[in-house]
């Protein structure tokens, strides 16, 4: 049995990093009323910090590590993730 990991795309597989969210300019904000918990954002996050549960919590994003790239917002089929300036206001 091989110890190699199957990587399906450019994602972090070992997460031993410093908190990088402090230099982020934009943050994702999820409208949980529109979210269908499909997991598309979770699968496409390049730093693997989004978790989706089929519970009332729905989408959780670890803002300590989110870099504000906006990929989650772009791939969401229901467009329920908006990018907002760190100081407030939708981009």
C-alpha atoms as a PDB file:
ATOM      1  CA  UNK A   1       0.000   0.000   0.000  1.00  0.00           C
ATOM      2  CA  UNK A   2       1.402   3.372  -1.025  1.00  0.00           C
ATOM      3  CA  UNK A   3       1.578   6.386   1.290  1.00  0.00           C
ATOM      4  CA  UNK A   4       0.996   8.747  -1.643  1.00  0.00           C
ATOM      5  CA  UNK A   5      -2.044  10.991  -1.445  1.00  0.00           C
ATOM      6  CA  UNK A   6      -4.357  11.436  -4.382  1.00  0.00           C
ATOM      7  CA  UNK A   7      -4.672  15.166  -5.072  1.00  0.00           C
ATOM      8  CA  UNK A   8      -7.559  16.202  -7.293  1.00  0.00           C
ATOM      9  CA  UNK A   9      -6.556  19.844  -7.674  1.00  0.00           C
ATOM     10  CA  UNK A  10      -4.524  22.684  -6.201  1.00  0.00           C
ATOM     11  CA  UNK A  11      -5.499  22.294  -2.544  1.00  0.00           C
ATOM     12  CA  UNK A  12      -3.644  22.277   0.737  1.00  0.00           C
ATOM     13  CA  UNK A  13      -3.325  18.725   2.045  1.00  0.00           C
ATOM     14  CA  UNK A  14      -1.121  19.422   5.074  1.00  0.00           C
ATOM     15  CA  UNK A  15      -2.222  22.479   6.987  1.00  0.00           C
ATOM     16  CA  UNK A  16       0.590  23.597   9.234  1.00  0.00           C
ATOM     17  CA  UNK A  17       0.558  27.304   8.561  1.00  0.00           C
ATOM     18  CA  UNK A  18       0.527  30.555  10.421  1.00  0.00           C
ATOM     19  CA  UNK A  19      -2.691  32.506  10.587  1.00  0.00           C
ATOM     20  CA  UNK A  20      -2.778  34.462   7.342  1.00  0.00           C
ATOM     21  CA  UNK A  21      -6.224  36.036   7.501  1.00  0.00           C
ATOM     22  CA  UNK A  22      -4.853  39.285   8.927  1.00  0.00           C
ATOM     23  CA  UNK A  23      -3.660  40.536   5.526  1.00  0.00           C
ATOM     24  CA  UNK A  24      -6.902  39.713   3.720  1.00  0.00           C
ATOM     25  CA  UNK A  25      -8.618  42.653   1.949  1.00  0.00           C
ATOM     26  CA  UNK A  26     -11.960  40.935   1.312  1.00  0.00           C
ATOM     27  CA  UNK A  27     -13.905  38.320   3.249  1.00  0.00           C
ATOM     28  CA  UNK A  28     -16.596  35.883   2.124  1.00  0.00           C
ATOM     29  CA  UNK A  29     -20.019  36.319   3.709  1.00  0.00           C
ATOM     30  CA  UNK A  30     -22.500  33.465   3.331  1.00  0.00           C
ATOM     31  CA  UNK A  31     -26.267  33.961   3.077  1.00  0.00           C
ATOM     32  CA  UNK A  32     -27.316  30.812   4.945  1.00  0.00           C
ATOM     33  CA  UNK A  33     -30.940  31.315   3.918  1.00  0.00           C
ATOM     34  CA  UNK A  34     -30.006  30.776   0.257  1.00  0.00           C
ATOM     35  CA  UNK A  35     -27.250  28.167   0.768  1.00  0.00           C
ATOM     36  CA  UNK A  36     -28.202  24.593  -0.171  1.00  0.00           C
ATOM     37  CA  UNK A  37     -25.080  23.042   1.472  1.00  0.00           C
ATOM     38  CA  UNK A  38     -23.948  21.523  -1.836  1.00  0.00           C
ATOM     39  CA  UNK A  39     -20.240  21.646  -0.886  1.00  0.00           C
ATOM     40  CA  UNK A  40     -19.020  23.288  -4.103  1.00  0.00           C
ATOM     41  CA  UNK A  41     -17.257  26.037  -2.140  1.00  0.00           C
ATOM     42  CA  UNK A  42     -15.649  23.454   0.162  1.00  0.00           C
ATOM     43  CA  UNK A  43     -14.305  21.404  -2.766  1.00  0.00           C
ATOM     44  CA  UNK A  44     -12.888  24.455  -4.560  1.00  0.00           C
ATOM     45  CA  UNK A  45     -11.250  26.293  -1.646  1.00  0.00           C
ATOM     46  CA  UNK A  46      -7.503  26.366  -2.397  1.00  0.00           C
ATOM     47  CA  UNK A  47      -6.554  26.373   1.305  1.00  0.00           C
ATOM     48  CA  UNK A  48      -9.220  23.871   2.448  1.00  0.00           C
ATOM     49  CA  UNK A  49     -10.680  26.038   5.224  1.00  0.00           C
ATOM     50  CA  UNK A  50     -14.386  25.743   4.362  1.00  0.00           C
ATOM     51  CA  UNK A  51     -16.547  23.052   5.908  1.00  0.00           C
ATOM     52  CA  UNK A  52     -20.143  22.384   4.896  1.00  0.00           C
ATOM     53  CA  UNK A  53     -22.630  20.565   7.098  1.00  0.00           C
ATOM     54  CA  UNK A  54     -26.219  19.678   6.300  1.00  0.00           C
ATOM     55  CA  UNK A  55     -27.211  21.173   9.633  1.00  0.00           C
ATOM     56  CA  UNK A  56     -28.436  24.610  10.711  1.00  0.00           C
ATOM     57  CA  UNK A  57     -24.828  25.858  10.809  1.00  0.00           C
ATOM     58  CA  UNK A  58     -24.331  25.157   7.107  1.00  0.00           C
ATOM     59  CA  UNK A  59     -21.119  26.718   5.796  1.00  0.00           C
ATOM     60  CA  UNK A  60     -18.286  27.515   8.188  1.00  0.00           C
ATOM     61  CA  UNK A  61     -15.187  29.397   7.027  1.00  0.00           C
ATOM     62  CA  UNK A  62     -12.066  29.602   9.174  1.00  0.00           C
ATOM     63  CA  UNK A  63     -11.348  33.329   8.903  1.00  0.00           C
ATOM     64  CA  UNK A  64      -7.970  32.897  10.623  1.00  0.00           C
ATOM     65  CA  UNK A  65      -6.693  31.288   7.418  1.00  0.00           C
ATOM     66  CA  UNK A  66      -9.020  32.679   4.695  1.00  0.00           C
ATOM     67  CA  UNK A  67      -7.015  34.728   2.206  1.00  0.00           C
ATOM     68  CA  UNK A  68     -10.043  36.367   0.587  1.00  0.00           C
ATOM     69  CA  UNK A  69      -9.362  34.974  -2.891  1.00  0.00           C
ATOM     70  CA  UNK A  70     -13.084  34.861  -3.764  1.00  0.00           C
ATOM     71  CA  UNK A  71     -13.046  31.449  -5.449  1.00  0.00           C
ATOM     72  CA  UNK A  72     -15.854  30.246  -3.170  1.00  0.00           C
ATOM     73  CA  UNK A  73     -17.962  33.198  -4.261  1.00  0.00           C
ATOM     74  CA  UNK A  74     -17.303  32.559  -7.945  1.00  0.00           C
ATOM     75  CA  UNK A  75     -18.115  28.823  -7.909  1.00  0.00           C
ATOM     76  CA  UNK A  76     -21.248  28.942  -5.730  1.00  0.00           C
ATOM     77  CA  UNK A  77     -24.184  27.738  -7.891  1.00  0.00           C
ATOM     78  CA  UNK A  78     -26.731  29.675  -5.776  1.00  0.00           C
ATOM     79  CA  UNK A  79     -24.523  32.797  -5.571  1.00  0.00           C
ATOM     80  CA  UNK A  80     -25.052  32.960  -1.821  1.00  0.00           C
ATOM     81  CA  UNK A  81     -21.437  33.891  -1.013  1.00  0.00           C
ATOM     82  CA  UNK A  82     -20.626  37.576  -1.393  1.00  0.00           C
ATOM     83  CA  UNK A  83     -17.196  39.123  -1.028  1.00  0.00           C
ATOM     84  CA  UNK A  84     -17.193  42.015   1.419  1.00  0.00           C
ATOM     85  CA  UNK A  85     -14.442  44.527   2.193  1.00  0.00           C
ATOM     86  CA  UNK A  86     -12.740  43.846   5.513  1.00  0.00           C
ATOM     87  CA  UNK A  87     -13.959  47.264   6.629  1.00  0.00           C
ATOM     88  CA  UNK A  88     -17.533  46.480   5.573  1.00  0.00           C
ATOM     89  CA  UNK A  89     -19.500  46.864   2.364  1.00  0.00           C
ATOM     90  CA  UNK A  90     -19.998  44.469  -0.548  1.00  0.00           C
ATOM     91  CA  UNK A  91     -17.346  44.534  -3.273  1.00  0.00           C
END
